[in-house]
Protein backbone atom coordinates (compact mmCIF):
# COMPACT_ATOMS: atom_id res chain seq x y z
CA MET A 1 -0.07 -0.01 -0.01
CA PRO A 2 1.78 3.25 -1.14
CA THR A 3 2.38 5.83 1.56
CA ALA A 4 4.27 9.08 1.52
CA SER A 5 5.08 11.97 3.72
CA PRO A 6 7.16 15.18 3.08
CA SER A 7 9.91 13.92 5.32
CA ARG A 8 10.22 10.36 4.09
CA SER A 9 10.70 8.73 0.69
CA PRO A 10 7.69 6.61 -0.56
CA ARG A 11 7.50 2.98 0.58
CA THR A 12 5.69 0.02 -0.76
CA ARG A 13 4.63 -3.06 1.25
CA SER A 14 5.31 -6.42 -0.47
CA ILE A 15 3.02 -9.13 0.68
CA ARG A 16 3.81 -11.74 -2.05
CA HIS A 17 4.88 -15.10 -0.37
CA ARG A 18 5.10 -13.09 3.04
CA PRO A 19 2.99 -12.71 6.11
CA ARG A 20 0.19 -10.25 5.86
CA SER A 21 2.27 -7.62 7.63
CA GLY A 22 4.47 -7.61 4.51
CA LEU A 23 7.87 -6.03 4.04
CA LEU A 24 8.49 -2.38 3.60
CA ARG A 25 11.06 -1.22 0.91
CA PRO A 26 11.87 1.87 -1.02
CA ALA A 27 9.68 2.44 -4.07
CA PRO A 28 9.79 5.93 -5.64
CA PRO A 29 6.65 6.25 -7.73
CA LEU A 30 6.83 7.20 -11.40
CA ASP A 31 5.58 10.64 -12.41
CA VAL A 32 2.70 9.04 -14.23
CA VAL A 33 1.69 7.21 -11.09
CA ARG A 34 1.70 10.47 -9.15
CA GLU A 35 -0.45 12.10 -11.87
CA ALA A 36 -2.92 9.19 -11.82
CA ILE A 37 -3.30 9.46 -8.01
CA ASP A 38 -3.81 13.22 -8.28
CA VAL A 39 -6.52 12.68 -10.74
CA LEU A 40 -8.17 10.17 -8.57
CA LEU A 41 -7.98 12.38 -5.53
CA GLU A 42 -9.63 15.20 -7.59
CA ILE A 43 -12.49 12.80 -8.34
CA ASN A 44 -12.91 11.68 -4.71
CA ASP A 45 -10.56 12.56 -1.84
CA ASP A 46 -11.65 9.61 0.34
CA PRO A 47 -8.61 7.32 0.54
CA THR A 48 -10.75 4.25 0.96
CA HIS A 49 -11.65 4.59 -2.72
CA LEU A 50 -8.00 4.37 -3.65
CA PHE A 51 -6.29 1.90 -1.33
CA GLY A 52 -8.72 0.06 0.94
CA TYR A 53 -11.34 0.46 3.59
CA ARG A 54 -11.66 1.86 7.20
CA LEU A 55 -12.58 -0.21 10.17
CA TRP A 56 -14.05 2.98 11.70
CA PRO A 57 -14.10 6.66 10.69
CA SER A 58 -10.95 7.69 12.60
CA SER A 59 -8.87 4.63 11.59
CA PRO A 60 -6.34 4.63 8.77
CA PRO A 61 -7.30 2.86 5.56
CA HIS A 62 -6.45 -0.83 5.28
CA LEU A 63 -5.63 -2.81 2.17
CA PRO A 64 -8.62 -4.96 1.28
CA THR A 65 -8.08 -8.67 1.37
CA LYS A 66 -10.93 -9.46 -1.02
CA ILE A 67 -10.27 -6.92 -3.81
CA ASN A 68 -11.27 -9.32 -6.56
CA GLU A 69 -14.66 -9.79 -4.96
CA ARG A 70 -15.09 -6.04 -4.84
CA LEU A 71 -14.14 -5.76 -8.54
CA ALA A 72 -16.76 -8.41 -9.39
CA ALA A 73 -19.28 -6.43 -7.35
CA PHE A 74 -18.48 -3.31 -9.20
CA GLN A 75 -18.70 -5.02 -12.49
CA ASP A 76 -22.28 -6.31 -11.57
CA HIS A 77 -23.06 -2.78 -10.52
CA LEU A 78 -22.00 -1.34 -13.98
CA ASN A 79 -24.01 -4.05 -15.78
CA GLU A 80 -27.08 -3.42 -13.75
CA LEU A 81 -26.86 0.40 -14.42
CA PHE A 82 -25.85 0.51 -18.05
CA GLY A 83 -26.46 -2.90 -19.57
CA THR A 84 -28.97 -5.70 -20.03
CA PRO A 85 -28.79 -9.50 -19.60
CA GLU A 86 -28.45 -9.80 -23.36
CA ALA A 87 -25.92 -7.00 -23.77
CA PRO A 88 -23.83 -6.47 -20.62
CA TYR A 89 -22.01 -3.24 -20.24
CA THR A 90 -18.65 -4.86 -19.41
CA PRO A 91 -16.88 -7.06 -22.02
CA ALA A 92 -18.02 -10.63 -22.68
CA ASP A 93 -15.82 -13.40 -24.00
CA GLY A 94 -17.57 -16.24 -25.84
CA GLY A 95 -20.86 -15.29 -24.26
CA GLN A 96 -19.49 -15.35 -20.76
CA LEU A 97 -18.75 -12.24 -18.72
CA TRP A 98 -15.17 -11.31 -18.43
CA ASP A 99 -13.84 -11.89 -14.89
CA PHE A 100 -11.79 -8.92 -13.70
CA THR A 101 -8.86 -9.64 -11.34
CA THR A 102 -5.98 -7.56 -9.96
CA ARG A 103 -3.51 -9.88 -11.84
CA GLN A 104 -4.88 -8.64 -15.24
CA PHE A 105 -4.15 -5.02 -14.36
CA ARG A 106 -0.69 -5.92 -13.16
CA ARG A 107 0.18 -7.86 -16.28
CA THR A 108 -1.19 -5.12 -18.53
CA LEU A 109 0.94 -2.61 -16.71
CA ALA A 110 3.94 -4.90 -17.15
CA TRP A 111 3.33 -5.11 -20.90
CA HIS A 112 3.25 -1.29 -21.19
CA ILE A 113 6.50 -1.01 -19.13
CA ALA A 114 8.20 -3.67 -21.30
CA HIS A 115 7.41 -1.75 -24.52
CA GLN A 116 9.21 1.37 -23.38
CA PRO A 117 12.88 2.08 -24.11
CA PHE A 118 14.88 0.06 -21.54
CA GLY A 119 11.56 -1.16 -20.26
CA VAL A 120 12.49 -4.71 -19.67
CA VAL A 121 15.29 -3.68 -17.28
CA ALA A 122 13.07 -1.23 -15.49
CA GLY A 123 10.23 -3.80 -15.22
CA ALA A 124 12.50 -6.57 -13.85
CA ARG A 125 13.64 -4.13 -11.15
CA GLN A 126 10.15 -2.93 -10.35
CA TYR A 127 8.70 -6.39 -10.18
CA HIS A 128 11.75 -7.87 -8.37
CA HIS A 129 12.31 -10.65 -10.94
CA ALA A 130 15.61 -12.39 -10.72
CA LYS A 131 16.21 -12.51 -14.47
CA LEU A 132 15.17 -10.21 -17.32
CA ALA A 133 13.63 -13.25 -19.09
CA MET A 134 11.27 -13.68 -16.14
CA PHE A 135 9.87 -10.25 -16.66
CA GLU A 136 9.69 -10.64 -20.39
CA GLY A 137 7.65 -13.78 -19.89
CA TYR A 138 5.40 -12.09 -17.27
CA ALA A 139 4.88 -9.04 -19.52
CA GLY A 140 4.07 -11.23 -22.49
CA THR A 141 5.22 -11.36 -26.12
CA SER A 142 3.23 -11.11 -29.33
CA ALA A 143 1.57 -14.40 -28.31
CA SER A 144 -0.01 -12.83 -25.24
CA GLY A 145 -2.83 -11.24 -27.09
CA PHE A 146 -1.23 -7.80 -27.60
CA ALA A 147 0.04 -8.47 -31.15
CA ALA A 148 -2.71 -6.36 -32.72
CA GLU A 149 -2.11 -3.52 -30.37
CA GLU A 150 1.56 -3.56 -30.92
CA ALA A 151 1.17 -3.54 -34.74
CA VAL A 152 -1.13 -0.55 -34.49
CA ALA A 153 1.29 1.22 -32.20
CA VAL A 154 4.10 0.81 -34.63
CA LEU A 155 1.98 1.99 -37.54
CA ASP A 156 0.93 4.96 -35.55
CA TYR A 157 4.59 5.77 -34.94
CA VAL A 158 5.43 5.49 -38.72
CA GLU A 159 2.53 7.80 -39.42
CA ASP A 160 3.90 10.30 -36.93
CA LEU A 161 7.29 10.07 -38.68
CA TYR A 162 5.65 10.81 -42.00
CA ARG A 163 3.71 13.75 -40.62
CA ASP A 164 6.82 15.12 -39.00
CA TRP A 165 8.76 14.79 -42.32
CA ASN A 166 5.81 16.23 -44.30
CA ASP A 167 5.74 19.26 -41.88
CA GLY A 168 9.33 20.04 -42.87
CA ALA A 169 11.28 18.51 -40.00
CA ARG A 170 14.92 17.60 -40.67
CA THR A 171 16.19 14.02 -40.56
CA GLY A 172 19.57 12.39 -40.20
CA GLY A 173 21.20 8.99 -40.25
CA GLY A 174 22.16 6.33 -42.85
CA ALA A 175 18.66 5.34 -43.53
CA ALA A 176 17.29 8.91 -43.75
CA ARG A 177 17.54 9.27 -47.53
CA ARG A 178 15.95 5.85 -48.12
CA ILE A 179 13.03 6.38 -45.82
CA ASP A 180 12.52 10.02 -46.86
CA GLY A 181 12.49 8.78 -50.48
CA GLU A 182 9.66 6.45 -49.41
CA PHE A 183 7.78 9.34 -47.74
CA GLU A 184 8.28 11.43 -50.93
CA ARG A 185 6.77 8.65 -52.98
CA VAL A 186 3.83 8.34 -50.67
CA ARG A 187 3.27 12.06 -50.74
CA ARG A 188 3.42 12.29 -54.47
CA GLU A 189 0.95 9.36 -54.92
CA LEU A 190 -1.44 10.75 -52.37
CA GLY A 191 -1.20 14.26 -53.76
CA ASP A 192 -0.29 15.62 -50.32
CA LEU A 193 1.10 19.10 -49.87
CA PRO A 194 3.77 19.85 -47.27
CA GLY A 195 1.96 20.02 -43.92
CA ILE A 196 -1.29 18.59 -45.35
CA VAL A 197 -2.47 14.90 -45.45
CA SER A 198 -5.31 14.38 -47.92
CA ASP A 199 -6.30 10.77 -47.19
CA GLU A 200 -5.45 9.39 -43.77
CA SER A 201 -6.67 5.84 -44.20
CA ARG A 202 -4.92 5.36 -47.51
CA LEU A 203 -1.81 6.93 -45.97
CA ARG A 204 -1.73 4.27 -43.28
CA THR A 205 -2.06 1.49 -45.97
CA MET A 206 0.80 2.94 -47.95
CA LEU A 207 3.06 3.17 -44.87
CA ALA A 208 2.32 -0.29 -43.39
CA HIS A 209 5.28 -2.07 -45.23
CA LEU A 210 7.72 0.13 -43.24
CA THR A 211 6.57 -1.39 -39.99
CA LYS A 212 8.11 -4.75 -40.96
CA THR A 213 11.70 -3.59 -40.45
CA LEU A 214 11.14 -0.67 -38.03
CA HIS A 215 12.62 -0.96 -34.49
CA PRO A 216 12.01 2.46 -32.69
CA GLY A 217 14.91 3.53 -30.50
CA VAL A 218 15.98 6.17 -28.01
CA LEU A 219 18.68 7.99 -29.95
CA ASN A 220 17.55 6.78 -33.43
CA ASP A 221 15.19 4.34 -35.14
CA CYS A 222 16.44 1.31 -36.86
CA PHE A 223 14.96 0.20 -40.21
CA PHE A 224 16.74 -3.14 -39.97
CA ASN A 225 18.55 -4.67 -42.96
CA ALA A 226 20.67 -7.60 -41.95
CA SER A 227 23.05 -7.20 -45.02
CA THR A 228 24.13 -3.65 -43.84
CA ALA A 229 23.52 -3.70 -40.12
CA VAL A 230 26.57 -2.82 -38.12
CA CYS A 231 25.42 -4.82 -35.23
CA VAL A 232 24.94 -8.17 -37.06
CA LYS A 233 28.68 -9.11 -37.04
CA ARG A 234 28.99 -8.16 -33.40
CA ALA A 235 25.86 -9.97 -32.40
CA THR A 236 27.18 -13.28 -33.82
CA VAL A 237 30.18 -12.99 -31.50
CA VAL A 238 28.29 -12.25 -28.25
CA GLY A 239 25.16 -14.22 -29.09
CA ARG A 240 22.75 -11.42 -28.65
CA PRO A 241 19.63 -10.60 -30.82
CA VAL A 242 19.57 -7.84 -33.32
CA PRO A 243 19.13 -5.05 -33.80
CA GLN A 244 21.36 -3.65 -31.02
CA HIS A 245 20.44 0.09 -30.74
CA ASN A 246 23.67 0.97 -28.91
CA MET A 247 25.56 0.42 -32.12
CA CYS A 248 23.23 2.44 -34.41
CA LEU A 249 24.74 5.90 -34.41
CA ARG A 250 26.91 5.17 -37.47
CA CYS A 251 24.76 2.42 -38.97
CA PRO A 252 23.27 2.63 -42.53
CA ASN A 253 19.99 1.40 -41.08
CA ALA A 254 19.61 4.33 -38.55
CA ARG A 255 17.27 7.24 -38.99
CA ARG A 256 16.88 10.27 -36.65
CA SER A 257 14.06 12.73 -36.55
CA SER A 258 12.81 15.54 -34.31
CA VAL A 259 11.60 13.00 -31.69
CA HIS A 260 15.24 11.94 -31.08
CA ARG A 261 16.71 15.52 -30.82
CA PRO A 262 16.00 16.15 -27.12
CA ARG A 263 17.28 12.68 -26.27
CA LEU A 264 20.46 13.33 -28.25
CA VAL A 265 20.88 16.66 -26.41
CA ALA A 266 20.45 14.93 -23.08
CA ALA A 267 23.04 12.30 -24.03
CA ARG A 268 25.46 15.01 -25.14
CA ASP A 269 24.93 16.88 -21.83
CA GLN A 270 25.48 13.73 -19.75
CA ALA A 271 28.66 12.96 -21.70
CA GLN A 272 29.82 16.57 -21.32
CA HIS A 273 29.14 16.43 -17.51
CA LEU A 274 31.07 13.17 -17.19
CA TYR A 275 33.93 14.65 -19.11
CA THR A 276 34.03 17.81 -16.99
CA ILE A 277 33.98 16.08 -13.61
CA THR A 278 36.56 13.46 -14.55
CA THR A 279 39.00 15.92 -16.04
CA LYS A 280 38.64 18.11 -12.90
CA ALA A 281 39.50 15.24 -10.61
CA ALA A 282 42.72 14.15 -12.54
CA PRO A 283 44.06 14.12 -16.02
CA LEU A 284 42.41 11.37 -18.10
CA PRO A 285 44.51 8.67 -19.80
CA GLN A 286 44.87 9.51 -23.51
CA LEU A 287 42.59 6.72 -24.83
CA GLN A 288 39.66 7.71 -22.42
CA HIS A 289 40.21 11.37 -23.28
CA LEU A 290 40.02 10.54 -26.96
CA ALA A 291 36.98 8.26 -26.59
CA LEU A 292 34.99 10.95 -24.62
CA THR A 293 35.86 13.87 -26.94
CA GLU A 294 35.05 11.82 -30.03
CA HIS A 295 31.73 10.81 -28.53
CA LEU A 296 30.91 14.39 -27.80
CA ASP A 297 31.87 15.49 -31.30
CA GLU A 298 29.69 12.69 -32.79
CA LEU A 299 26.71 13.66 -30.72
CA ASP A 300 27.14 17.37 -31.67
CA GLN A 301 27.26 16.42 -35.42
CA LEU A 302 24.09 14.29 -35.04
CA ILE A 303 22.26 17.20 -33.37
CA ALA A 304 23.49 19.55 -36.02
CA GLU A 305 22.07 17.26 -38.76
CA LEU A 306 18.65 17.86 -37.34
CA ASP A 307 19.16 21.67 -36.97
CA THR A 308 20.97 22.62 -40.14
CA PRO A 309 18.73 23.97 -42.98
CA GLY A 310 19.11 21.72 -46.13
CA SER A 311 19.90 18.52 -44.21
CA GLY A 312 17.52 15.65 -44.27
CA GLN A 313 14.95 16.64 -46.86
């Protein structure tokens, strides 16, 4: 049960495979969690609606032990208010009402965490799984029922890339000319003008083929082509799957757009901060000094590609 006070960092109580008293441990909430709780408090500031129930009016709220029964009762309440026996308000699967449980919400949240950059690592730490593979299995893969949602999300992202390009944003990377050429062909066939999309449904149909090779990344996107990918040779040595986004900066398959610029700036600032504090402490060995300065120069060049008029398009 999350608790917080101005003088203490937030704590969470783990009760999995433990006595009901649980185990307190640090658990700083994500910003999106804080925002969600703020919204709930605006709707109703009674904490019993968020975290549990009160034994008496002056007692603190307790974590309910029969939350799934309460979810089922709430589901029946919704169906009674807004549905009929023939057409229930809440979803039905094969003619039977869907049974809501807390586990479903937990696994859905795990799936969303896993599909963020570095999400598998973050999820494994949040869920206290011993291995990354355990969290990957818990969050689910394409066989978990989220395949359609994932495909739509990737297509949405490609559409955003097209609109960004069509609005005049600069691009960079080895794959920029190839992908921008595809965007130019689509715009020509649709009869779009810069900044204007004439047929949204047809646009998505014409962009769908790009989702087959696209792997969105933090500092760049990868439109993977095994014959030219820089990471393929390295991956065969270490036995890791491709693509490997940490090798993409100089890869012919990489493409950067305006969505990556703030992340590139953040990476450059972090590298600059590291260089500053290490050089102040003591002179760096020549190879380390060269590696840091070359990395800073490279990030500056990548940012400049997205800022310089005439680059990209």
